N, C-alpha and C. Protein backbone atom coordinates (compact mmCIF):
# COMPACT_ATOMS: atom_id res chain seq x y z
N MET A 1 65.65 119.96 104.23
CA MET A 1 67.09 119.94 104.19
C MET A 1 67.61 119.14 102.99
N ALA A 2 66.83 118.16 102.55
CA ALA A 2 67.26 117.41 101.37
C ALA A 2 67.41 118.35 100.18
N LEU A 3 66.52 119.33 100.09
CA LEU A 3 66.62 120.32 99.03
C LEU A 3 67.92 121.10 99.14
N LEU A 4 68.32 121.42 100.38
CA LEU A 4 69.58 122.12 100.61
C LEU A 4 70.74 121.32 100.02
N PHE A 5 70.80 120.02 100.33
CA PHE A 5 71.89 119.20 99.85
C PHE A 5 71.88 119.09 98.33
N ALA A 6 70.69 118.92 97.75
CA ALA A 6 70.58 118.84 96.30
C ALA A 6 71.06 120.13 95.66
N LYS A 7 70.67 121.25 96.25
CA LYS A 7 71.08 122.56 95.74
C LYS A 7 72.60 122.70 95.78
N LEU A 8 73.21 122.28 96.88
CA LEU A 8 74.66 122.38 97.02
C LEU A 8 75.37 121.42 96.08
N GLU A 9 74.86 120.20 95.95
CA GLU A 9 75.50 119.23 95.06
C GLU A 9 75.41 119.68 93.61
N ASP A 10 74.25 120.20 93.21
CA ASP A 10 74.07 120.66 91.83
C ASP A 10 75.08 121.71 91.44
N ARG A 11 75.49 122.51 92.38
CA ARG A 11 76.43 123.59 92.08
C ARG A 11 77.87 123.22 92.41
N GLY A 12 78.11 121.96 92.77
CA GLY A 12 79.47 121.51 93.05
C GLY A 12 80.06 122.10 94.31
N MET A 13 79.22 122.48 95.26
CA MET A 13 79.71 123.19 96.44
C MET A 13 80.41 122.29 97.45
N PHE A 14 80.18 120.99 97.37
CA PHE A 14 80.80 120.12 98.36
C PHE A 14 82.31 120.07 98.21
N ASN A 15 82.82 120.46 97.08
CA ASN A 15 84.26 120.38 96.86
C ASN A 15 84.97 121.73 96.89
N ASN A 16 84.25 122.82 96.94
CA ASN A 16 84.87 124.14 96.85
C ASN A 16 84.78 124.89 98.16
N MET A 17 85.87 124.86 98.92
CA MET A 17 85.90 125.52 100.23
C MET A 17 85.97 127.04 100.10
N ASP A 18 86.31 127.54 98.92
CA ASP A 18 86.38 128.99 98.73
C ASP A 18 85.02 129.65 98.87
N ASN A 19 83.96 128.89 98.70
CA ASN A 19 82.61 129.45 98.78
C ASN A 19 82.09 129.55 100.20
N VAL A 20 82.81 129.05 101.18
CA VAL A 20 82.35 129.09 102.57
C VAL A 20 82.59 130.48 103.14
N LYS A 21 81.52 131.07 103.67
CA LYS A 21 81.61 132.38 104.31
C LYS A 21 81.27 132.20 105.79
N LEU A 22 82.00 132.90 106.65
CA LEU A 22 81.71 132.90 108.08
C LEU A 22 81.16 134.27 108.44
N VAL A 23 79.94 134.27 108.99
CA VAL A 23 79.28 135.52 109.34
C VAL A 23 78.60 135.36 110.70
N ASP A 24 78.25 136.48 111.31
CA ASP A 24 77.50 136.43 112.56
C ASP A 24 76.08 135.91 112.29
N LEU A 25 75.54 135.19 113.25
CA LEU A 25 74.16 134.71 113.17
C LEU A 25 73.22 135.91 113.12
N THR A 26 72.21 135.84 112.26
CA THR A 26 71.17 136.86 112.19
C THR A 26 69.82 136.19 112.42
N ALA A 27 68.83 137.00 112.80
CA ALA A 27 67.50 136.47 113.14
C ALA A 27 66.89 135.66 112.00
N ASP A 28 67.10 136.07 110.77
CA ASP A 28 66.52 135.35 109.64
C ASP A 28 67.17 133.99 109.42
N ARG A 29 68.28 133.71 110.09
CA ARG A 29 68.97 132.43 109.96
C ARG A 29 68.76 131.52 111.18
N LEU A 30 67.99 131.96 112.17
CA LEU A 30 67.84 131.21 113.42
C LEU A 30 67.33 129.79 113.18
N GLU A 31 66.18 129.63 112.56
CA GLU A 31 65.59 128.31 112.38
C GLU A 31 66.46 127.42 111.49
N GLU A 32 67.03 127.98 110.46
CA GLU A 32 67.91 127.21 109.57
C GLU A 32 69.14 126.71 110.34
N THR A 33 69.67 127.56 111.20
CA THR A 33 70.84 127.18 112.00
C THR A 33 70.47 126.11 113.02
N LEU A 34 69.32 126.24 113.65
CA LEU A 34 68.87 125.21 114.59
C LEU A 34 68.68 123.86 113.88
N GLU A 35 68.24 123.91 112.64
CA GLU A 35 68.08 122.68 111.87
C GLU A 35 69.42 121.98 111.65
N VAL A 36 70.49 122.74 111.50
CA VAL A 36 71.83 122.15 111.37
C VAL A 36 72.17 121.36 112.63
N PHE A 37 71.83 121.90 113.81
CA PHE A 37 72.07 121.18 115.06
C PHE A 37 71.22 119.91 115.12
N ARG A 38 69.94 120.01 114.73
CA ARG A 38 69.05 118.84 114.75
C ARG A 38 69.60 117.73 113.84
N ILE A 39 69.96 118.10 112.61
CA ILE A 39 70.49 117.12 111.66
C ILE A 39 71.77 116.50 112.19
N GLY A 40 72.54 117.28 112.93
CA GLY A 40 73.78 116.78 113.52
C GLY A 40 73.58 115.85 114.69
N GLY A 41 72.33 115.62 115.09
CA GLY A 41 72.03 114.66 116.14
C GLY A 41 72.04 115.20 117.55
N TRP A 42 71.93 116.51 117.71
CA TRP A 42 71.92 117.09 119.05
C TRP A 42 70.65 116.69 119.78
N GLU A 43 70.78 116.40 121.06
CA GLU A 43 69.65 115.99 121.89
C GLU A 43 68.73 117.17 122.17
N GLU A 44 67.45 116.88 122.41
CA GLU A 44 66.46 117.93 122.67
C GLU A 44 66.85 118.82 123.84
N ASN A 45 67.41 118.23 124.89
CA ASN A 45 67.81 119.03 126.05
C ASN A 45 68.86 120.06 125.65
N SER A 46 69.84 119.65 124.87
CA SER A 46 70.86 120.58 124.39
C SER A 46 70.25 121.61 123.45
N MET A 47 69.32 121.17 122.61
CA MET A 47 68.67 122.08 121.65
C MET A 47 67.93 123.20 122.38
N PHE A 48 67.35 122.90 123.53
CA PHE A 48 66.66 123.92 124.32
C PHE A 48 67.64 125.04 124.68
N TYR A 49 68.83 124.67 125.13
CA TYR A 49 69.83 125.66 125.52
C TYR A 49 70.43 126.39 124.32
N VAL A 50 70.66 125.66 123.23
CA VAL A 50 71.18 126.30 122.02
C VAL A 50 70.21 127.38 121.54
N ARG A 51 68.92 127.03 121.46
CA ARG A 51 67.90 127.99 121.03
C ARG A 51 67.88 129.20 121.96
N ALA A 52 67.90 128.96 123.26
CA ALA A 52 67.86 130.06 124.23
C ALA A 52 69.08 130.97 124.08
N GLU A 53 70.26 130.38 123.92
CA GLU A 53 71.48 131.17 123.76
C GLU A 53 71.44 131.98 122.47
N MET A 54 70.96 131.37 121.40
CA MET A 54 70.88 132.08 120.12
C MET A 54 69.92 133.26 120.21
N LYS A 55 68.76 133.03 120.82
CA LYS A 55 67.79 134.12 120.95
C LYS A 55 68.35 135.24 121.82
N ALA A 56 69.04 134.88 122.88
CA ALA A 56 69.66 135.89 123.75
C ALA A 56 70.70 136.68 122.97
N PHE A 57 71.52 136.00 122.17
CA PHE A 57 72.51 136.68 121.34
C PHE A 57 71.83 137.68 120.41
N LEU A 58 70.75 137.25 119.78
CA LEU A 58 70.05 138.12 118.84
C LEU A 58 69.40 139.31 119.53
N ASN A 59 69.08 139.16 120.82
CA ASN A 59 68.50 140.28 121.58
C ASN A 59 69.54 141.27 122.06
N GLY A 60 70.81 140.91 122.02
CA GLY A 60 71.88 141.82 122.40
C GLY A 60 72.30 141.69 123.85
N ASP A 61 73.41 142.34 124.16
CA ASP A 61 73.97 142.29 125.51
C ASP A 61 73.08 143.04 126.49
N ILE A 62 73.18 142.66 127.75
CA ILE A 62 72.54 143.40 128.83
C ILE A 62 73.65 143.99 129.69
N GLU A 63 73.36 145.05 130.38
CA GLU A 63 74.39 145.73 131.17
C GLU A 63 75.06 144.75 132.14
N GLY A 64 76.38 144.71 132.08
CA GLY A 64 77.14 143.86 132.99
C GLY A 64 77.31 142.43 132.54
N TYR A 65 76.74 142.07 131.39
CA TYR A 65 76.83 140.68 130.94
C TYR A 65 76.90 140.67 129.41
N ILE A 66 77.91 140.00 128.89
CA ILE A 66 78.06 139.88 127.44
C ILE A 66 77.63 138.47 127.05
N ARG A 67 76.68 138.39 126.18
CA ARG A 67 76.13 137.11 125.76
C ARG A 67 77.09 136.36 124.83
N ALA A 68 76.78 135.08 124.65
CA ALA A 68 77.53 134.28 123.68
C ALA A 68 77.39 134.90 122.30
N ARG A 69 78.43 134.76 121.50
CA ARG A 69 78.44 135.26 120.12
C ARG A 69 78.40 134.05 119.19
N PHE A 70 77.46 134.04 118.26
CA PHE A 70 77.32 132.93 117.32
C PHE A 70 77.77 133.33 115.93
N ILE A 71 78.52 132.44 115.30
CA ILE A 71 78.86 132.60 113.90
C ILE A 71 78.27 131.42 113.14
N VAL A 72 78.01 131.62 111.87
CA VAL A 72 77.51 130.54 111.02
C VAL A 72 78.39 130.44 109.79
N ALA A 73 78.55 129.21 109.31
CA ALA A 73 79.25 128.95 108.05
C ALA A 73 78.18 128.81 106.98
N ILE A 74 78.33 129.57 105.90
CA ILE A 74 77.32 129.60 104.84
C ILE A 74 77.98 129.27 103.51
N VAL A 75 77.28 128.44 102.74
CA VAL A 75 77.68 128.13 101.37
C VAL A 75 76.45 128.33 100.49
N ASP A 76 76.60 129.10 99.46
CA ASP A 76 75.51 129.34 98.51
C ASP A 76 74.21 129.70 99.22
N ASP A 77 74.33 130.59 100.19
CA ASP A 77 73.20 131.11 100.95
C ASP A 77 72.52 130.05 101.84
N CYS A 78 73.23 128.97 102.17
CA CYS A 78 72.70 127.93 103.06
C CYS A 78 73.64 127.75 104.25
N VAL A 79 73.07 127.66 105.45
CA VAL A 79 73.87 127.43 106.65
C VAL A 79 74.33 125.98 106.68
N ILE A 80 75.63 125.77 106.85
CA ILE A 80 76.18 124.41 106.93
C ILE A 80 76.86 124.15 108.27
N GLY A 81 77.04 125.18 109.10
CA GLY A 81 77.68 125.01 110.39
C GLY A 81 77.45 126.21 111.28
N ALA A 82 77.69 126.03 112.56
CA ALA A 82 77.54 127.12 113.53
C ALA A 82 78.44 126.85 114.72
N ALA A 83 78.81 127.92 115.41
CA ALA A 83 79.65 127.81 116.60
C ALA A 83 79.52 129.09 117.41
N ALA A 84 79.89 129.01 118.70
CA ALA A 84 79.76 130.18 119.57
C ALA A 84 81.00 130.36 120.43
N TRP A 85 81.16 131.58 120.94
CA TRP A 85 82.17 131.89 121.94
C TRP A 85 81.54 132.88 122.90
N ALA A 86 82.09 132.93 124.11
CA ALA A 86 81.56 133.86 125.11
C ALA A 86 82.63 134.16 126.15
N PRO A 87 82.57 135.35 126.74
CA PRO A 87 83.41 135.62 127.90
C PRO A 87 83.03 134.63 129.00
N SER A 88 84.00 134.14 129.73
CA SER A 88 83.75 133.17 130.79
C SER A 88 83.47 133.87 132.11
N MET A 89 82.72 133.22 132.93
CA MET A 89 82.50 133.71 134.29
C MET A 89 83.71 133.41 135.17
N CYS A 90 84.69 132.68 134.64
CA CYS A 90 85.89 132.31 135.41
C CYS A 90 86.86 133.46 135.62
N GLY A 91 86.85 134.44 134.72
CA GLY A 91 87.79 135.55 134.84
C GLY A 91 87.66 136.49 133.67
N PHE A 92 88.25 137.68 133.80
CA PHE A 92 88.12 138.70 132.77
C PHE A 92 88.92 138.41 131.51
N ALA A 93 89.93 137.59 131.61
CA ALA A 93 90.75 137.27 130.43
C ALA A 93 90.55 135.82 130.00
N VAL A 94 89.37 135.27 130.30
CA VAL A 94 89.05 133.89 129.97
C VAL A 94 87.79 133.87 129.11
N TYR A 95 87.84 133.06 128.06
CA TYR A 95 86.72 132.92 127.14
C TYR A 95 86.41 131.44 126.96
N GLU A 96 85.19 131.15 126.55
CA GLU A 96 84.77 129.77 126.35
C GLU A 96 84.25 129.58 124.93
N LEU A 97 84.57 128.44 124.34
CA LEU A 97 84.03 128.06 123.05
C LEU A 97 82.92 127.05 123.28
N SER A 98 81.87 127.12 122.49
CA SER A 98 80.76 126.19 122.68
C SER A 98 79.92 126.06 121.42
N TRP A 99 78.95 125.17 121.49
CA TRP A 99 77.90 125.00 120.50
C TRP A 99 78.41 124.91 119.07
N ALA A 100 79.41 124.11 118.82
CA ALA A 100 79.94 123.97 117.45
C ALA A 100 79.39 122.73 116.78
N THR A 101 78.91 122.90 115.56
CA THR A 101 78.45 121.76 114.76
C THR A 101 78.54 122.10 113.28
N VAL A 102 78.64 121.05 112.48
CA VAL A 102 78.68 121.16 111.03
C VAL A 102 77.79 120.06 110.47
N LEU A 103 77.07 120.34 109.40
CA LEU A 103 76.26 119.30 108.77
C LEU A 103 77.13 118.09 108.47
N PRO A 104 76.59 116.87 108.68
CA PRO A 104 77.39 115.66 108.47
C PRO A 104 78.09 115.61 107.11
N GLU A 105 77.43 116.07 106.07
CA GLU A 105 78.01 116.03 104.73
C GLU A 105 79.20 116.97 104.57
N TRP A 106 79.34 117.92 105.48
CA TRP A 106 80.42 118.91 105.40
C TRP A 106 81.53 118.66 106.41
N ARG A 107 81.39 117.63 107.22
CA ARG A 107 82.41 117.35 108.23
C ARG A 107 83.70 116.86 107.57
N HIS A 108 84.80 117.08 108.26
CA HIS A 108 86.14 116.67 107.80
C HIS A 108 86.56 117.39 106.53
N ARG A 109 86.10 118.62 106.38
CA ARG A 109 86.47 119.45 105.23
C ARG A 109 87.06 120.79 105.67
N GLY A 110 87.35 120.91 106.97
CA GLY A 110 87.99 122.12 107.46
C GLY A 110 87.05 123.23 107.92
N ILE A 111 85.75 122.96 107.94
CA ILE A 111 84.79 124.00 108.36
C ILE A 111 85.00 124.34 109.83
N ASN A 112 85.12 123.32 110.69
CA ASN A 112 85.32 123.59 112.12
C ASN A 112 86.63 124.33 112.36
N VAL A 113 87.67 124.01 111.61
CA VAL A 113 88.94 124.72 111.75
C VAL A 113 88.74 126.20 111.44
N ARG A 114 88.04 126.48 110.36
CA ARG A 114 87.80 127.88 110.00
C ARG A 114 86.93 128.58 111.04
N MET A 115 85.93 127.87 111.58
CA MET A 115 85.09 128.50 112.62
C MET A 115 85.89 128.72 113.89
N LEU A 116 86.80 127.81 114.23
CA LEU A 116 87.67 128.00 115.39
C LEU A 116 88.56 129.22 115.18
N GLN A 117 89.17 129.33 114.02
CA GLN A 117 90.02 130.49 113.73
C GLN A 117 89.23 131.80 113.81
N GLU A 118 88.01 131.78 113.29
CA GLU A 118 87.19 133.00 113.32
C GLU A 118 86.79 133.36 114.75
N ARG A 119 86.48 132.36 115.56
CA ARG A 119 86.12 132.67 116.95
C ARG A 119 87.31 133.24 117.70
N ILE A 120 88.49 132.69 117.50
CA ILE A 120 89.69 133.24 118.15
C ILE A 120 89.95 134.66 117.66
N ARG A 121 89.76 134.90 116.38
CA ARG A 121 89.93 136.26 115.84
C ARG A 121 88.94 137.23 116.48
N GLN A 122 87.69 136.82 116.61
CA GLN A 122 86.69 137.69 117.23
C GLN A 122 86.99 137.94 118.71
N ILE A 123 87.47 136.91 119.40
CA ILE A 123 87.86 137.10 120.80
C ILE A 123 88.99 138.11 120.89
N ARG A 124 89.97 137.98 120.02
CA ARG A 124 91.10 138.93 120.01
C ARG A 124 90.58 140.36 119.80
N VAL A 125 89.69 140.56 118.87
CA VAL A 125 89.12 141.90 118.61
C VAL A 125 88.37 142.39 119.85
N HIS A 126 87.58 141.51 120.45
CA HIS A 126 86.81 141.88 121.64
C HIS A 126 87.72 142.19 122.83
N HIS A 127 88.72 141.34 123.03
CA HIS A 127 89.57 141.43 124.23
C HIS A 127 90.62 142.53 124.13
N GLY A 128 91.11 142.77 122.96
CA GLY A 128 92.16 143.77 122.80
C GLY A 128 93.53 143.12 122.72
N THR A 129 94.55 143.89 123.02
CA THR A 129 95.92 143.44 122.79
C THR A 129 96.51 142.58 123.90
N GLU A 130 95.88 142.52 125.05
CA GLU A 130 96.42 141.74 126.18
C GLU A 130 96.24 140.24 125.96
N ALA A 131 97.01 139.46 126.71
CA ALA A 131 96.92 138.00 126.65
C ALA A 131 95.56 137.53 127.17
N PHE A 132 95.11 136.38 126.68
CA PHE A 132 93.85 135.81 127.14
C PHE A 132 93.90 134.29 127.05
N ASN A 133 92.95 133.63 127.70
CA ASN A 133 92.85 132.17 127.73
C ASN A 133 91.51 131.75 127.14
N VAL A 134 91.50 130.59 126.51
CA VAL A 134 90.27 130.06 125.94
C VAL A 134 90.08 128.63 126.41
N LEU A 135 88.89 128.34 126.92
CA LEU A 135 88.51 127.00 127.38
C LEU A 135 87.54 126.38 126.39
N VAL A 136 87.60 125.07 126.25
CA VAL A 136 86.60 124.35 125.49
C VAL A 136 86.43 122.98 126.14
N CYS A 137 85.19 122.57 126.29
CA CYS A 137 84.87 121.25 126.82
C CYS A 137 84.39 120.41 125.64
N THR A 138 85.18 119.41 125.28
CA THR A 138 84.87 118.63 124.08
C THR A 138 85.50 117.24 124.19
N TRP A 139 85.25 116.44 123.18
CA TRP A 139 85.94 115.16 123.08
C TRP A 139 87.32 115.42 122.51
N GLU A 140 88.22 114.47 122.68
CA GLU A 140 89.56 114.64 122.13
C GLU A 140 89.46 114.91 120.63
N ASN A 141 90.16 115.93 120.20
CA ASN A 141 90.06 116.35 118.81
C ASN A 141 91.40 116.96 118.41
N PRO A 142 92.08 116.39 117.43
CA PRO A 142 93.39 116.92 117.02
C PRO A 142 93.34 118.37 116.56
N MET A 143 92.19 118.83 116.08
CA MET A 143 92.07 120.21 115.64
C MET A 143 92.43 121.18 116.76
N TYR A 144 91.96 120.89 117.96
CA TYR A 144 92.25 121.78 119.09
C TYR A 144 93.72 121.71 119.49
N ALA A 145 94.29 120.51 119.46
CA ALA A 145 95.72 120.37 119.78
C ALA A 145 96.57 121.17 118.81
N LYS A 146 96.23 121.13 117.53
CA LYS A 146 96.97 121.90 116.52
C LYS A 146 96.85 123.40 116.76
N ALA A 147 95.75 123.82 117.37
CA ALA A 147 95.54 125.25 117.64
C ALA A 147 96.13 125.68 118.98
N GLY A 148 96.80 124.74 119.68
CA GLY A 148 97.47 125.09 120.93
C GLY A 148 96.71 124.75 122.20
N PHE A 149 95.60 124.04 122.09
CA PHE A 149 94.83 123.66 123.27
C PHE A 149 95.46 122.44 123.93
N LEU A 150 95.56 122.46 125.24
CA LEU A 150 96.12 121.37 126.02
C LEU A 150 95.10 120.90 127.04
N PRO A 151 95.15 119.60 127.40
CA PRO A 151 94.22 119.09 128.40
C PRO A 151 94.51 119.69 129.77
N MET A 152 93.47 119.94 130.52
CA MET A 152 93.65 120.47 131.88
C MET A 152 93.77 119.36 132.91
N GLN A 153 93.34 118.14 132.56
CA GLN A 153 93.50 117.02 133.47
C GLN A 153 94.98 116.69 133.58
N PRO A 154 95.47 116.37 134.76
CA PRO A 154 96.91 116.18 134.94
C PRO A 154 97.51 115.00 134.19
N ASN A 155 96.78 113.89 134.05
CA ASN A 155 97.41 112.69 133.49
C ASN A 155 96.95 112.32 132.09
N SER A 156 95.78 112.78 131.69
CA SER A 156 95.28 112.43 130.36
C SER A 156 94.14 113.36 129.99
N ARG A 157 93.73 113.24 128.76
CA ARG A 157 92.62 114.07 128.28
C ARG A 157 91.28 113.57 128.81
N HIS A 158 91.17 112.32 129.14
CA HIS A 158 89.88 111.73 129.46
C HIS A 158 89.71 111.46 130.95
N SER A 159 88.46 111.47 131.37
CA SER A 159 88.14 110.97 132.70
C SER A 159 88.14 109.44 132.61
N LYS A 160 87.66 108.77 133.63
CA LYS A 160 87.71 107.30 133.64
C LYS A 160 86.83 106.69 132.54
N LYS A 161 85.79 107.40 132.13
CA LYS A 161 84.95 106.91 131.03
C LYS A 161 85.54 107.41 129.71
N ASN A 162 85.76 106.52 128.78
CA ASN A 162 86.36 106.90 127.50
C ASN A 162 85.51 107.85 126.67
N ASN A 163 84.18 107.84 126.88
CA ASN A 163 83.33 108.69 126.05
C ASN A 163 83.06 110.05 126.68
N ASP A 164 83.65 110.34 127.82
CA ASP A 164 83.44 111.63 128.46
C ASP A 164 84.22 112.73 127.75
N LYS A 165 83.68 113.91 127.88
CA LYS A 165 84.37 115.08 127.33
C LYS A 165 85.52 115.45 128.24
N CYS A 166 86.40 116.29 127.74
CA CYS A 166 87.52 116.77 128.53
C CYS A 166 87.60 118.29 128.39
N LEU A 167 88.28 118.91 129.32
CA LEU A 167 88.44 120.35 129.31
C LEU A 167 89.81 120.68 128.74
N LEU A 168 89.83 121.52 127.71
CA LEU A 168 91.07 121.93 127.06
C LEU A 168 91.26 123.43 127.26
N LEU A 169 92.50 123.86 127.34
CA LEU A 169 92.83 125.27 127.54
C LEU A 169 93.90 125.69 126.56
N ALA A 170 93.73 126.87 125.99
CA ALA A 170 94.78 127.48 125.16
C ALA A 170 95.04 128.88 125.69
N GLN A 171 96.29 129.27 125.70
CA GLN A 171 96.68 130.62 126.13
C GLN A 171 97.21 131.37 124.92
N PHE A 172 96.68 132.55 124.71
CA PHE A 172 97.09 133.39 123.59
C PHE A 172 97.79 134.62 124.14
N GLY A 173 99.00 134.86 123.66
CA GLY A 173 99.80 135.99 124.13
C GLY A 173 99.24 137.32 123.66
N SER A 174 99.85 138.37 124.14
CA SER A 174 99.40 139.71 123.75
C SER A 174 99.64 139.91 122.26
N ALA A 175 98.84 140.75 121.67
CA ALA A 175 98.94 141.01 120.23
C ALA A 175 100.24 141.71 119.88
N ALA A 176 100.87 142.34 120.84
CA ALA A 176 102.11 143.08 120.60
C ALA A 176 103.31 142.15 120.46
N GLN A 177 103.18 140.88 120.85
CA GLN A 177 104.32 139.95 120.81
C GLN A 177 104.73 139.61 119.41
C-alpha cells in the first residue's frame, strides 16, 4: 500500500478530486478493496462479514433476495474507498447503507459524500419513481445530516454511551415531485 500512496503522491492525486471515479466493485478489485478496510482499522470480525458480503455481491443475486451492492472510489487505477447499499429486510421501500470506508490519507476530502450520493442515485434507479427510506447505523456525522438523515432516537442521536453508533433515517420523495 505504501507504493499506492507514493504513486498517488507522485502524480499529485491527493489534491485533484476530478480524478476520483465511482464504479461497481469487480472481482479483480476484491483484495485491493479489502486492504482499504484493513488500513482503515476495521476489526477482523467485521472484515469477515465485509469479505463475505463482497463475495456474495460478486456472485450475483439469488431468487427472492437482492444482495448488497458495493461501489469503490478509484483514483489513478487504485481503490481509495468503498461503500455498500442493500434493500432492507424491514420493508419493500426501505434500504440500508453499510460498509463505508476511505483510506486515511483521503478522508475529509469529500469521498464519502460522493459515495453517499452515488449510493442514493443507485437506490433511486433500483427502486424506481416511488418514495423510499434509507437507514444507516453510524456515529454522528454532519455529512448524513446535510443529506437529510435524522436520528431515530427520540431525544438524541446517541445512546447512553457516547461512543455508540446511532440509527439515522432519510426519506426520499417520489422522483415525480
